[in-house]
């Protein structure tokens, strides 16, 4: 597992940051869009994050200084609030070489960017 160090994030796994970024995008979009009933489809069901993945993201949020509430694998209101805080936080002043490589990879592959 690759780890990166940042002044504002400490040491966080690259995988956790990518997962965190994807959940940030989902949570922010969910918070900004009106509540609508969505049809249940196999595709929509398969994109739902697992409790294990949510726990991993909750741990990364806590390491990044954002309180997601209990590390319970539930994408509840406190976890969503922590994701929104993470998304709105200013990016680190300078990216480490590892972060630069990841950011370049994400740009080349149209992946979500993490702060």
PDB file of N, CA and C in Angstrom:
ATOM      1  N   UNK A   1       0.852  -1.180   0.000  1.00  0.00           N
ATOM      2  CA  UNK A   1       0.000   0.000   0.000  1.00  0.00           C
ATOM      3  C   UNK A   1       0.890   1.234   0.000  1.00  0.00           C
ATOM      4  N   UNK A   2       0.626   2.143  -0.915  1.00  0.00           N
ATOM      5  CA  UNK A   2       1.388   3.389  -0.972  1.00  0.00           C
ATOM      6  C   UNK A   2       0.816   4.382   0.022  1.00  0.00           C
ATOM      7  N   UNK A   3       1.711   5.104   0.663  1.00  0.00           N
ATOM      8  CA  UNK A   3       1.300   6.144   1.597  1.00  0.00           C
ATOM      9  C   UNK A   3       1.854   7.463   1.113  1.00  0.00           C
ATOM     10  N   UNK A   4       1.095   8.517   1.334  1.00  0.00           N
ATOM     11  CA  UNK A   4       1.589   9.848   0.999  1.00  0.00           C
ATOM     12  C   UNK A   4       1.537  10.711   2.242  1.00  0.00           C
ATOM     13  N   UNK A   5       2.398  11.699   2.266  1.00  0.00           N
ATOM     14  CA  UNK A   5       2.451  12.613   3.401  1.00  0.00           C
ATOM     15  C   UNK A   5       2.138  14.010   2.889  1.00  0.00           C
ATOM     16  N   UNK A   6       1.318  14.696   3.650  1.00  0.00           N
ATOM     17  CA  UNK A   6       0.955  16.069   3.310  1.00  0.00           C
ATOM     18  C   UNK A   6       0.867  16.842   4.611  1.00  0.00           C
ATOM     19  N   UNK A   7       1.185  18.111   4.567  1.00  0.00           N
ATOM     20  CA  UNK A   7       1.134  18.928   5.783  1.00  0.00           C
ATOM     21  C   UNK A   7      -0.259  18.935   6.385  1.00  0.00           C
ATOM     22  N   UNK A   8      -1.285  18.976   5.556  1.00  0.00           N
ATOM     23  CA  UNK A   8      -2.638  19.072   6.101  1.00  0.00           C
ATOM     24  C   UNK A   8      -3.282  17.715   6.322  1.00  0.00           C
ATOM     25  N   UNK A   9      -2.810  16.655   5.654  1.00  0.00           N
ATOM     26  CA  UNK A   9      -3.455  15.360   5.763  1.00  0.00           C
ATOM     27  C   UNK A   9      -2.684  14.352   6.594  1.00  0.00           C
ATOM     28  N   UNK A  10      -1.424  14.589   6.868  1.00  0.00           N
ATOM     29  CA  UNK A  10      -0.638  13.581   7.539  1.00  0.00           C
ATOM     30  C   UNK A  10      -0.323  12.469   6.550  1.00  0.00           C
ATOM     31  N   UNK A  11      -0.257  11.231   7.046  1.00  0.00           N
ATOM     32  CA  UNK A  11       0.006  10.097   6.166  1.00  0.00           C
ATOM     33  C   UNK A  11      -1.316   9.392   5.903  1.00  0.00           C
ATOM     34  N   UNK A  12      -1.666   9.271   4.640  1.00  0.00           N
ATOM     35  CA  UNK A  12      -2.923   8.656   4.235  1.00  0.00           C
ATOM     36  C   UNK A  12      -2.629   7.791   3.023  1.00  0.00           C
ATOM     37  N   UNK A  13      -3.266   6.626   2.938  1.00  0.00           N
ATOM     38  CA  UNK A  13      -3.034   5.772   1.772  1.00  0.00           C
ATOM     39  C   UNK A  13      -3.640   6.406   0.532  1.00  0.00           C
ATOM     40  N   UNK A  14      -2.995   6.202  -0.594  1.00  0.00           N
ATOM     41  CA  UNK A  14      -3.497   6.742  -1.866  1.00  0.00           C
ATOM     42  C   UNK A  14      -4.871   6.172  -2.175  1.00  0.00           C
ATOM     43  N   UNK A  15      -5.068   4.886  -1.879  1.00  0.00           N
ATOM     44  CA  UNK A  15      -6.364   4.255  -2.120  1.00  0.00           C
ATOM     45  C   UNK A  15      -7.443   4.948  -1.315  1.00  0.00           C
ATOM     46  N   UNK A  16      -7.156   5.270  -0.059  1.00  0.00           N
ATOM     47  CA  UNK A  16      -8.143   5.953   0.776  1.00  0.00           C
ATOM     48  C   UNK A  16      -8.490   7.319   0.211  1.00  0.00           C
ATOM     49  N   UNK A  17      -7.497   8.031  -0.300  1.00  0.00           N
ATOM     50  CA  UNK A  17      -7.763   9.353  -0.866  1.00  0.00           C
ATOM     51  C   UNK A  17      -8.624   9.264  -2.117  1.00  0.00           C
ATOM     52  N   UNK A  18      -8.379   8.275  -2.961  1.00  0.00           N
ATOM     53  CA  UNK A  18      -9.193   8.117  -4.165  1.00  0.00           C
ATOM     54  C   UNK A  18     -10.623   7.777  -3.776  1.00  0.00           C
ATOM     55  N   UNK A  19     -10.788   6.852  -2.810  1.00  0.00           N
ATOM     56  CA  UNK A  19     -12.135   6.503  -2.347  1.00  0.00           C
ATOM     57  C   UNK A  19     -12.803   7.715  -1.721  1.00  0.00           C
ATOM     58  N   UNK A  20     -12.044   8.445  -0.951  1.00  0.00           N
ATOM     59  CA  UNK A  20     -12.573   9.628  -0.288  1.00  0.00           C
ATOM     60  C   UNK A  20     -13.053  10.643  -1.312  1.00  0.00           C
ATOM     61  N   UNK A  21     -12.272  10.856  -2.344  1.00  0.00           N
ATOM     62  CA  UNK A  21     -12.673  11.809  -3.382  1.00  0.00           C
ATOM     63  C   UNK A  21     -13.960  11.379  -4.063  1.00  0.00           C
ATOM     64  N   UNK A  22     -14.093  10.087  -4.358  1.00  0.00           N
ATOM     65  CA  UNK A  22     -15.320   9.637  -5.029  1.00  0.00           C
ATOM     66  C   UNK A  22     -16.528   9.776  -4.119  1.00  0.00           C
ATOM     67  N   UNK A  23     -16.355   9.522  -2.822  1.00  0.00           N
ATOM     68  CA  UNK A  23     -17.475   9.694  -1.891  1.00  0.00           C
ATOM     69  C   UNK A  23     -17.796  11.164  -1.683  1.00  0.00           C
ATOM     70  N   UNK A  24     -16.773  12.020  -1.704  1.00  0.00           N
ATOM     71  CA  UNK A  24     -17.009  13.465  -1.583  1.00  0.00           C
ATOM     72  C   UNK A  24     -17.897  13.930  -2.723  1.00  0.00           C
ATOM     73  N   UNK A  25     -17.555  13.534  -3.929  1.00  0.00           N
ATOM     74  CA  UNK A  25     -18.339  13.938  -5.092  1.00  0.00           C
ATOM     75  C   UNK A  25     -19.768  13.446  -4.959  1.00  0.00           C
ATOM     76  N   UNK A  26     -19.946  12.196  -4.540  1.00  0.00           N
ATOM     77  CA  UNK A  26     -21.296  11.641  -4.387  1.00  0.00           C
ATOM     78  C   UNK A  26     -22.066  12.359  -3.286  1.00  0.00           C
ATOM     79  N   UNK A  27     -21.413  12.598  -2.141  1.00  0.00           N
ATOM     80  CA  UNK A  27     -22.107  13.230  -1.016  1.00  0.00           C
ATOM     81  C   UNK A  27     -22.458  14.680  -1.310  1.00  0.00           C
ATOM     82  N   UNK A  28     -21.547  15.403  -1.930  1.00  0.00           N
ATOM     83  CA  UNK A  28     -21.819  16.804  -2.249  1.00  0.00           C
ATOM     84  C   UNK A  28     -22.941  16.894  -3.278  1.00  0.00           C
ATOM     85  N   UNK A  29     -22.898  16.054  -4.279  1.00  0.00           N
ATOM     86  CA  UNK A  29     -23.964  16.036  -5.280  1.00  0.00           C
ATOM     87  C   UNK A  29     -25.301  15.676  -4.668  1.00  0.00           C
ATOM     88  N   UNK A  30     -25.299  14.718  -3.751  1.00  0.00           N
ATOM     89  CA  UNK A  30     -26.525  14.297  -3.076  1.00  0.00           C
ATOM     90  C   UNK A  30     -27.079  15.417  -2.211  1.00  0.00           C
ATOM     91  N   UNK A  31     -26.194  16.161  -1.558  1.00  0.00           N
ATOM     92  CA  UNK A  31     -26.639  17.243  -0.678  1.00  0.00           C
ATOM     93  C   UNK A  31     -27.198  18.417  -1.475  1.00  0.00           C
ATOM     94  N   UNK A  32     -26.704  18.617  -2.701  1.00  0.00           N
ATOM     95  CA  UNK A  32     -27.129  19.770  -3.481  1.00  0.00           C
ATOM     96  C   UNK A  32     -28.332  19.493  -4.368  1.00  0.00           C
ATOM     97  N   UNK A  33     -28.621  18.223  -4.643  1.00  0.00           N
ATOM     98  CA  UNK A  33     -29.746  17.924  -5.530  1.00  0.00           C
ATOM     99  C   UNK A  33     -31.007  17.656  -4.718  1.00  0.00           C
ATOM    100  N   UNK A  34     -32.168  18.017  -5.268  1.00  0.00           N
ATOM    101  CA  UNK A  34     -33.405  17.772  -4.546  1.00  0.00           C
ATOM    102  C   UNK A  34     -33.643  16.278  -4.385  1.00  0.00           C
ATOM    103  N   UNK A  35     -34.376  15.930  -3.335  1.00  0.00           N
ATOM    104  CA  UNK A  35     -34.661  14.529  -3.060  1.00  0.00           C
ATOM    105  C   UNK A  35     -35.663  14.029  -4.090  1.00  0.00           C
ATOM    106  N   UNK A  36     -35.282  12.983  -4.784  1.00  0.00           N
ATOM    107  CA  UNK A  36     -36.147  12.373  -5.785  1.00  0.00           C
ATOM    108  C   UNK A  36     -36.060  10.866  -5.635  1.00  0.00           C
ATOM    109  N   UNK A  37     -37.142  10.213  -5.918  1.00  0.00           N
ATOM    110  CA  UNK A  37     -37.134   8.757  -5.898  1.00  0.00           C
ATOM    111  C   UNK A  37     -36.359   8.269  -7.113  1.00  0.00           C
ATOM    112  N   UNK A  38     -35.398   7.395  -6.874  1.00  0.00           N
ATOM    113  CA  UNK A  38     -34.612   6.853  -7.970  1.00  0.00           C
ATOM    114  C   UNK A  38     -35.081   5.430  -8.233  1.00  0.00           C
ATOM    115  N   UNK A  39     -35.207   5.068  -9.501  1.00  0.00           N
ATOM    116  CA  UNK A  39     -35.594   3.689  -9.787  1.00  0.00           C
ATOM    117  C   UNK A  39     -34.475   2.743  -9.377  1.00  0.00           C
ATOM    118  N   UNK A  40     -34.856   1.610  -8.804  1.00  0.00           N
ATOM    119  CA  UNK A  40     -33.875   0.618  -8.381  1.00  0.00           C
ATOM    120  C   UNK A  40     -33.393  -0.149  -9.601  1.00  0.00           C
ATOM    121  N   UNK A  41     -32.093  -0.068  -9.845  1.00  0.00           N
ATOM    122  CA  UNK A  41     -31.508  -0.805 -10.961  1.00  0.00           C
ATOM    123  C   UNK A  41     -30.290  -1.547 -10.464  1.00  0.00           C
ATOM    124  N   UNK A  42     -29.920  -2.563 -11.175  1.00  0.00           N
ATOM    125  CA  UNK A  42     -28.733  -3.329 -10.793  1.00  0.00           C
ATOM    126  C   UNK A  42     -27.492  -2.448 -10.835  1.00  0.00           C
ATOM    127  N   UNK A  43     -27.410  -1.539 -11.804  1.00  0.00           N
ATOM    128  CA  UNK A  43     -26.256  -0.651 -11.920  1.00  0.00           C
ATOM    129  C   UNK A  43     -26.171   0.282 -10.728  1.00  0.00           C
ATOM    130  N   UNK A  44     -27.292   0.892 -10.338  1.00  0.00           N
ATOM    131  CA  UNK A  44     -27.291   1.802  -9.192  1.00  0.00           C
ATOM    132  C   UNK A  44     -26.945   1.052  -7.917  1.00  0.00           C
ATOM    133  N   UNK A  45     -27.432  -0.154  -7.778  1.00  0.00           N
ATOM    134  CA  UNK A  45     -27.161  -0.951  -6.587  1.00  0.00           C
ATOM    135  C   UNK A  45     -25.674  -1.296  -6.491  1.00  0.00           C
ATOM    136  N   UNK A  46     -25.037  -1.623  -7.618  1.00  0.00           N
ATOM    137  CA  UNK A  46     -23.651  -2.070  -7.585  1.00  0.00           C
ATOM    138  C   UNK A  46     -22.676  -0.936  -7.275  1.00  0.00           C
ATOM    139  N   UNK A  47     -23.075   0.320  -7.462  1.00  0.00           N
ATOM    140  CA  UNK A  47     -22.186   1.450  -7.200  1.00  0.00           C
ATOM    141  C   UNK A  47     -22.231   1.907  -5.744  1.00  0.00           C
ATOM    142  N   UNK A  48     -23.132   1.362  -4.956  1.00  0.00           N
ATOM    143  CA  UNK A  48     -23.247   1.760  -3.556  1.00  0.00           C
ATOM    144  C   UNK A  48     -22.006   1.268  -2.801  1.00  0.00           C
ATOM    145  N   UNK A  49     -21.356   2.152  -2.032  1.00  0.00           N
ATOM    146  CA  UNK A  49     -20.152   1.732  -1.311  1.00  0.00           C
ATOM    147  C   UNK A  49     -20.486   0.718  -0.217  1.00  0.00           C
ATOM    148  N   UNK A  50     -19.584  -0.219  -0.030  1.00  0.00           N
ATOM    149  CA  UNK A  50     -19.773  -1.239   1.001  1.00  0.00           C
ATOM    150  C   UNK A  50     -19.458  -0.644   2.372  1.00  0.00           C
ATOM    151  N   UNK A  51     -19.971  -1.255   3.444  1.00  0.00           N
ATOM    152  CA  UNK A  51     -19.634  -0.773   4.793  1.00  0.00           C
ATOM    153  C   UNK A  51     -18.125  -0.773   5.050  1.00  0.00           C
ATOM    154  N   UNK A  52     -17.418  -1.763   4.508  1.00  0.00           N
ATOM    155  CA  UNK A  52     -15.964  -1.817   4.701  1.00  0.00           C
ATOM    156  C   UNK A  52     -15.297  -0.605   4.057  1.00  0.00           C
ATOM    157  N   UNK A  53     -15.750  -0.261   2.849  1.00  0.00           N
ATOM    158  CA  UNK A  53     -15.177   0.894   2.150  1.00  0.00           C
ATOM    159  C   UNK A  53     -15.508   2.182   2.909  1.00  0.00           C
ATOM    160  N   UNK A  54     -16.728   2.298   3.412  1.00  0.00           N
ATOM    161  CA  UNK A  54     -17.124   3.491   4.170  1.00  0.00           C
ATOM    162  C   UNK A  54     -16.285   3.607   5.436  1.00  0.00           C
ATOM    163  N   UNK A  55     -16.032   2.476   6.127  1.00  0.00           N
ATOM    164  CA  UNK A  55     -15.178   2.509   7.325  1.00  0.00           C
ATOM    165  C   UNK A  55     -13.782   3.011   6.970  1.00  0.00           C
ATOM    166  N   UNK A  56     -13.250   2.536   5.844  1.00  0.00           N
ATOM    167  CA  UNK A  56     -11.924   2.969   5.403  1.00  0.00           C
ATOM    168  C   UNK A  56     -11.904   4.482   5.161  1.00  0.00           C
ATOM    169  N   UNK A  57     -12.940   4.986   4.524  1.00  0.00           N
ATOM    170  CA  UNK A  57     -13.038   6.421   4.248  1.00  0.00           C
ATOM    171  C   UNK A  57     -13.218   7.194   5.548  1.00  0.00           C
ATOM    172  N   UNK A  58     -14.017   6.669   6.476  1.00  0.00           N
ATOM    173  CA  UNK A  58     -14.200   7.336   7.768  1.00  0.00           C
ATOM    174  C   UNK A  58     -12.868   7.460   8.499  1.00  0.00           C
ATOM    175  N   UNK A  59     -12.047   6.407   8.434  1.00  0.00           N
ATOM    176  CA  UNK A  59     -10.727   6.464   9.065  1.00  0.00           C
ATOM    177  C   UNK A  59      -9.858   7.527   8.394  1.00  0.00           C
ATOM    178  N   UNK A  60      -9.908   7.588   7.053  1.00  0.00           N
ATOM    179  CA  UNK A  60      -9.117   8.589   6.324  1.00  0.00           C
ATOM    180  C   UNK A  60      -9.589  10.000   6.658  1.00  0.00           C
ATOM    181  N   UNK A  61     -10.912  10.182   6.783  1.00  0.00           N
ATOM    182  CA  UNK A  61     -11.446  11.497   7.167  1.00  0.00           C
ATOM    183  C   UNK A  61     -10.925  11.896   8.544  1.00  0.00           C
ATOM    184  N   UNK A  62     -10.943  10.959   9.473  1.00  0.00           N
ATOM    185  CA  UNK A  62     -10.466  11.236  10.827  1.00  0.00           C
ATOM    186  C   UNK A  62      -8.985  11.599  10.806  1.00  0.00           C
ATOM    187  N   UNK A  63      -8.186  10.850  10.026  1.00  0.00           N
ATOM    188  CA  UNK A  63      -6.754  11.146   9.894  1.00  0.00           C
ATOM    189  C   UNK A  63      -6.528  12.515   9.261  1.00  0.00           C
ATOM    190  N   UNK A  64      -7.456  12.929   8.392  1.00  0.00           N
ATOM    191  CA  UNK A  64      -7.329  14.221   7.714  1.00  0.00           C
ATOM    192  C   UNK A  64      -7.856  15.368   8.570  1.00  0.00           C
ATOM    193  N   UNK A  65      -8.360  15.056   9.775  1.00  0.00           N
ATOM    194  CA  UNK A  65      -8.809  16.105  10.684  1.00  0.00           C
ATOM    195  C   UNK A  65     -10.281  16.455  10.584  1.00  0.00           C
ATOM    196  N   UNK A  66     -11.076  15.587   9.968  1.00  0.00           N
ATOM    197  CA  UNK A  66     -12.520  15.824   9.842  1.00  0.00           C
ATOM    198  C   UNK A  66     -13.251  14.716  10.586  1.00  0.00           C
ATOM    199  N   UNK A  67     -14.137  15.080  11.511  1.00  0.00           N
ATOM    200  CA  UNK A  67     -14.819  14.109  12.368  1.00  0.00           C
ATOM    201  C   UNK A  67     -16.015  13.478  11.660  1.00  0.00           C
ATOM    202  N   UNK A  68     -15.898  12.178  11.277  1.00  0.00           N
ATOM    203  CA  UNK A  68     -17.012  11.513  10.616  1.00  0.00           C
ATOM    204  C   UNK A  68     -17.976  10.852  11.593  1.00  0.00           C
ATOM    205  N   UNK A  69     -17.759  11.063  12.894  1.00  0.00           N
ATOM    206  CA  UNK A  69     -18.563  10.344  13.883  1.00  0.00           C
ATOM    207  C   UNK A  69     -17.947   8.973  14.107  1.00  0.00           C
ATOM    208  N   UNK A  70     -18.753   8.011  14.554  1.00  0.00           N
ATOM    209  CA  UNK A  70     -18.200   6.680  14.816  1.00  0.00           C
ATOM    210  C   UNK A  70     -17.745   5.996  13.522  1.00  0.00           C
ATOM    211  N   UNK A  71     -16.692   5.201  13.627  1.00  0.00           N
ATOM    212  CA  UNK A  71     -16.194   4.427  12.483  1.00  0.00           C
ATOM    213  C   UNK A  71     -17.050   3.164  12.420  1.00  0.00           C
ATOM    214  N   UNK A  72     -18.227   3.300  11.782  1.00  0.00           N
ATOM    215  CA  UNK A  72     -19.219   2.224  11.813  1.00  0.00           C
ATOM    216  C   UNK A  72     -19.623   1.693  10.448  1.00  0.00           C
ATOM    217  N   UNK A  73     -19.063   2.247   9.380  1.00  0.00           N
ATOM    218  CA  UNK A  73     -19.407   1.771   8.047  1.00  0.00           C
ATOM    219  C   UNK A  73     -20.739   2.271   7.525  1.00  0.00           C
ATOM    220  N   UNK A  74     -21.323   3.258   8.199  1.00  0.00           N
ATOM    221  CA  UNK A  74     -22.606   3.829   7.787  1.00  0.00           C
ATOM    222  C   UNK A  74     -22.364   5.234   7.245  1.00  0.00           C
ATOM    223  N   UNK A  75     -22.870   5.499   6.048  1.00  0.00           N
ATOM    224  CA  UNK A  75     -22.726   6.819   5.437  1.00  0.00           C
ATOM    225  C   UNK A  75     -23.858   7.707   5.950  1.00  0.00           C
ATOM    226  N   UNK A  76     -23.734   8.072   7.234  1.00  0.00           N
ATOM    227  CA  UNK A  76     -24.761   8.872   7.895  1.00  0.00           C
ATOM    228  C   UNK A  76     -24.486  10.361   7.786  1.00  0.00           C
ATOM    229  N   UNK A  77     -25.289  11.169   8.488  1.00  0.00           N
ATOM    230  CA  UNK A  77     -25.166  12.625   8.372  1.00  0.00           C
ATOM    231  C   UNK A  77     -23.806  13.173   8.816  1.00  0.00           C
ATOM    232  N   UNK A  78     -23.206  12.600   9.849  1.00  0.00           N
ATOM    233  CA  UNK A  78     -21.905  13.115  10.306  1.00  0.00           C
ATOM    234  C   UNK A  78     -20.801  12.786   9.302  1.00  0.00           C
ATOM    235  N   UNK A  79     -20.866  11.595   8.719  1.00  0.00           N
ATOM    236  CA  UNK A  79     -19.875  11.230   7.706  1.00  0.00           C
ATOM    237  C   UNK A  79     -20.039  12.115   6.478  1.00  0.00           C
ATOM    238  N   UNK A  80     -21.279  12.353   6.050  1.00  0.00           N
ATOM    239  CA  UNK A  80     -21.522  13.222   4.892  1.00  0.00           C
ATOM    240  C   UNK A  80     -21.048  14.645   5.167  1.00  0.00           C
ATOM    241  N   UNK A  81     -21.268  15.125   6.399  1.00  0.00           N
ATOM    242  CA  UNK A  81     -20.806  16.473   6.754  1.00  0.00           C
ATOM    243  C   UNK A  81     -19.276  16.534   6.708  1.00  0.00           C
ATOM    244  N   UNK A  82     -18.613  15.489   7.203  1.00  0.00           N
ATOM    245  CA  UNK A  82     -17.146  15.450   7.165  1.00  0.00           C
ATOM    246  C   UNK A  82     -16.644  15.406   5.723  1.00  0.00           C
ATOM    247  N   UNK A  83     -17.351  14.682   4.856  1.00  0.00           N
ATOM    248  CA  UNK A  83     -16.981  14.643   3.440  1.00  0.00           C
ATOM    249  C   UNK A  83     -17.117  16.022   2.804  1.00  0.00           C
ATOM    250  N   UNK A  84     -18.187  16.737   3.142  1.00  0.00           N
ATOM    251  CA  UNK A  84     -18.369  18.092   2.596  1.00  0.00           C
ATOM    252  C   UNK A  84     -17.272  19.025   3.109  1.00  0.00           C
ATOM    253  N   UNK A  85     -16.902  18.897   4.395  1.00  0.00           N
ATOM    254  CA  UNK A  85     -15.817  19.721   4.942  1.00  0.00           C
ATOM    255  C   UNK A  85     -14.510  19.423   4.216  1.00  0.00           C
ATOM    256  N   UNK A  86     -14.245  18.143   4.000  1.00  0.00           N
ATOM    257  CA  UNK A  86     -13.025  17.742   3.294  1.00  0.00           C
ATOM    258  C   UNK A  86     -13.007  18.327   1.886  1.00  0.00           C
ATOM    259  N   UNK A  87     -14.148  18.267   1.209  1.00  0.00           N
ATOM    260  CA  UNK A  87     -14.232  18.774  -0.164  1.00  0.00           C
ATOM    261  C   UNK A  87     -14.043  20.284  -0.221  1.00  0.00           C
ATOM    262  N   UNK A  88     -14.489  20.984   0.816  1.00  0.00           N
ATOM    263  CA  UNK A  88     -14.395  22.443   0.798  1.00  0.00           C
ATOM    264  C   UNK A  88     -13.087  22.963   1.394  1.00  0.00           C
ATOM    265  N   UNK A  89     -12.284  22.084   1.982  1.00  0.00           N
ATOM    266  CA  UNK A  89     -11.009  22.505   2.576  1.00  0.00           C
ATOM    267  C   UNK A  89     -10.039  22.905   1.471  1.00  0.00           C
ATOM    268  N   UNK A  90      -9.214  23.916   1.734  1.00  0.00           N
ATOM    269  CA  UNK A  90      -8.231  24.308   0.720  1.00  0.00           C
ATOM    270  C   UNK A  90      -7.220  23.182   0.513  1.00  0.00           C
ATOM    271  N   UNK A  91      -6.734  23.027  -0.697  1.00  0.00           N
ATOM    272  CA  UNK A  91      -5.739  21.984  -0.955  1.00  0.00           C
ATOM    273  C   UNK A  91      -4.428  22.326  -0.258  1.00  0.00           C
ATOM    274  N   UNK A  92      -3.567  21.321  -0.060  1.00  0.00           N
ATOM    275  CA  UNK A  92      -2.261  21.599   0.540  1.00  0.00           C
ATOM    276  C   UNK A  92      -1.507  22.619  -0.315  1.00  0.00           C
ATOM    277  N   UNK A  93      -0.629  23.379   0.321  1.00  0.00           N
ATOM    278  CA  UNK A  93       0.126  24.411  -0.395  1.00  0.00           C
ATOM    279  C   UNK A  93       0.970  23.826  -1.517  1.00  0.00           C
ATOM    280  N   UNK A  94       1.588  22.713  -1.265  1.00  0.00           N
ATOM    281  CA  UNK A  94       2.430  22.086  -2.286  1.00  0.00           C
ATOM    282  C   UNK A  94       2.180  20.585  -2.264  1.00  0.00           C
ATOM    283  N   UNK A  95       2.071  20.007  -3.442  1.00  0.00           N
ATOM    284  CA  UNK A  95       1.884  18.568  -3.534  1.00  0.00           C
ATOM    285  C   UNK A  95       3.230  17.872  -3.417  1.00  0.00           C
ATOM    286  N   UNK A  96       3.224  16.726  -2.754  1.00  0.00           N
ATOM    287  CA  UNK A  96       4.429  15.911  -2.703  1.00  0.00           C
ATOM    288  C   UNK A  96       4.628  15.280  -4.080  1.00  0.00           C
ATOM    289  N   UNK A  97       5.818  14.763  -4.359  1.00  0.00           N
ATOM    290  CA  UNK A  97       6.017  14.091  -5.652  1.00  0.00           C
ATOM    291  C   UNK A  97       5.000  12.970  -5.890  1.00  0.00           C
ATOM    292  N   UNK A  98       4.696  12.206  -4.852  1.00  0.00           N
ATOM    293  CA  UNK A  98       3.715  11.122  -4.998  1.00  0.00           C
ATOM    294  C   UNK A  98       2.341  11.689  -5.349  1.00  0.00           C
ATOM    295  N   UNK A  99       1.946  12.782  -4.702  1.00  0.00           N
ATOM    296  CA  UNK A  99       0.649  13.394  -4.994  1.00  0.00           C
ATOM    297  C   UNK A  99       0.609  13.947  -6.415  1.00  0.00           C
ATOM    298  N   UNK A 100       1.740  14.487  -6.881  1.00  0.00           N
ATOM    299  CA  UNK A 100       1.798  14.997  -8.250  1.00  0.00           C
ATOM    300  C   UNK A 100       1.602  13.872  -9.259  1.00  0.00           C
ATOM    301  N   UNK A 101       2.224  12.731  -8.990  1.00  0.00           N
ATOM    302  CA  UNK A 101       2.076  11.572  -9.872  1.00  0.00           C
ATOM    303  C   UNK A 101       0.629  11.103  -9.887  1.00  0.00           C
ATOM    304  N   UNK A 102       0.016  11.022  -8.707  1.00  0.00           N
ATOM    305  CA  UNK A 102      -1.376  10.584  -8.608  1.00  0.00           C
ATOM    306  C   UNK A 102      -2.294  11.567  -9.318  1.00  0.00           C
ATOM    307  N   UNK A 103      -2.063  12.850  -9.114  1.00  0.00           N
ATOM    308  CA  UNK A 103      -2.902  13.864  -9.760  1.00  0.00           C
ATOM    309  C   UNK A 103      -2.784  13.773 -11.278  1.00  0.00           C
ATOM    310  N   UNK A 104      -1.565  13.581 -11.770  1.00  0.00           N
ATOM    311  CA  UNK A 104      -1.362  13.439 -13.215  1.00  0.00           C
ATOM    312  C   UNK A 104      -2.076  12.197 -13.736  1.00  0.00           C
ATOM    313  N   UNK A 105      -1.950  11.089 -13.019  1.00  0.00           N
ATOM    314  CA  UNK A 105      -2.630   9.849 -13.406  1.00  0.00           C
ATOM    315  C   UNK A 105      -4.139  10.060 -13.445  1.00  0.00           C
ATOM    316  N   UNK A 106      -4.667  10.719 -12.420  1.00  0.00           N
ATOM    317  CA  UNK A 106      -6.107  10.977 -12.364  1.00  0.00           C
ATOM    318  C   UNK A 106      -6.561  11.848 -13.526  1.00  0.00           C
ATOM    319  N   UNK A 107      -5.776  12.870 -13.865  1.00  0.00           N
ATOM    320  CA  UNK A 107      -6.135  13.733 -14.997  1.00  0.00           C
ATOM    321  C   UNK A 107      -6.135  12.943 -16.304  1.00  0.00           C
ATOM    322  N   UNK A 108      -5.124  12.118 -16.480  1.00  0.00           N
ATOM    323  CA  UNK A 108      -5.015  11.336 -17.712  1.00  0.00           C
ATOM    324  C   UNK A 108      -6.129  10.310 -17.848  1.00  0.00           C
ATOM    325  N   UNK A 109      -6.663   9.859 -16.724  1.00  0.00           N
ATOM    326  CA  UNK A 109      -7.677   8.810 -16.742  1.00  0.00           C
ATOM    327  C   UNK A 109      -9.051   9.313 -16.336  1.00  0.00           C
ATOM    328  N   UNK A 110      -9.243  10.630 -16.349  1.00  0.00           N
ATOM    329  CA  UNK A 110     -10.532  11.245 -15.994  1.00  0.00           C
ATOM    330  C   UNK A 110     -11.070  10.750 -14.665  1.00  0.00           C
ATOM    331  N   UNK A 111     -10.211  10.684 -13.679  1.00  0.00           N
ATOM    332  CA  UNK A 111     -10.622  10.263 -12.339  1.00  0.00           C
ATOM    333  C   UNK A 111     -10.816  11.497 -11.473  1.00  0.00           C
ATOM    334  N   UNK A 112     -11.651  11.360 -10.400  1.00  0.00           N
ATOM    335  CA  UNK A 112     -11.862  12.521  -9.517  1.00  0.00           C
ATOM    336  C   UNK A 112     -10.574  12.926  -8.827  1.00  0.00           C
ATOM    337  N   UNK A 113     -10.394  14.210  -8.646  1.00  0.00           N
ATOM    338  CA  UNK A 113      -9.212  14.754  -7.981  1.00  0.00           C
ATOM    339  C   UNK A 113      -9.477  14.882  -6.494  1.00  0.00           C
ATOM    340  N   UNK A 114      -8.478  14.602  -5.678  1.00  0.00           N
ATOM    341  CA  UNK A 114      -8.603  14.846  -4.246  1.00  0.00           C
ATOM    342  C   UNK A 114      -7.902  16.151  -3.929  1.00  0.00           C
ATOM    343  N   UNK A 115      -8.339  16.819  -2.843  1.00  0.00           N
ATOM    344  CA  UNK A 115      -7.707  18.097  -2.495  1.00  0.00           C
ATOM    345  C   UNK A 115      -6.275  17.923  -2.078  1.00  0.00           C
TER     346      UNK A 115
END
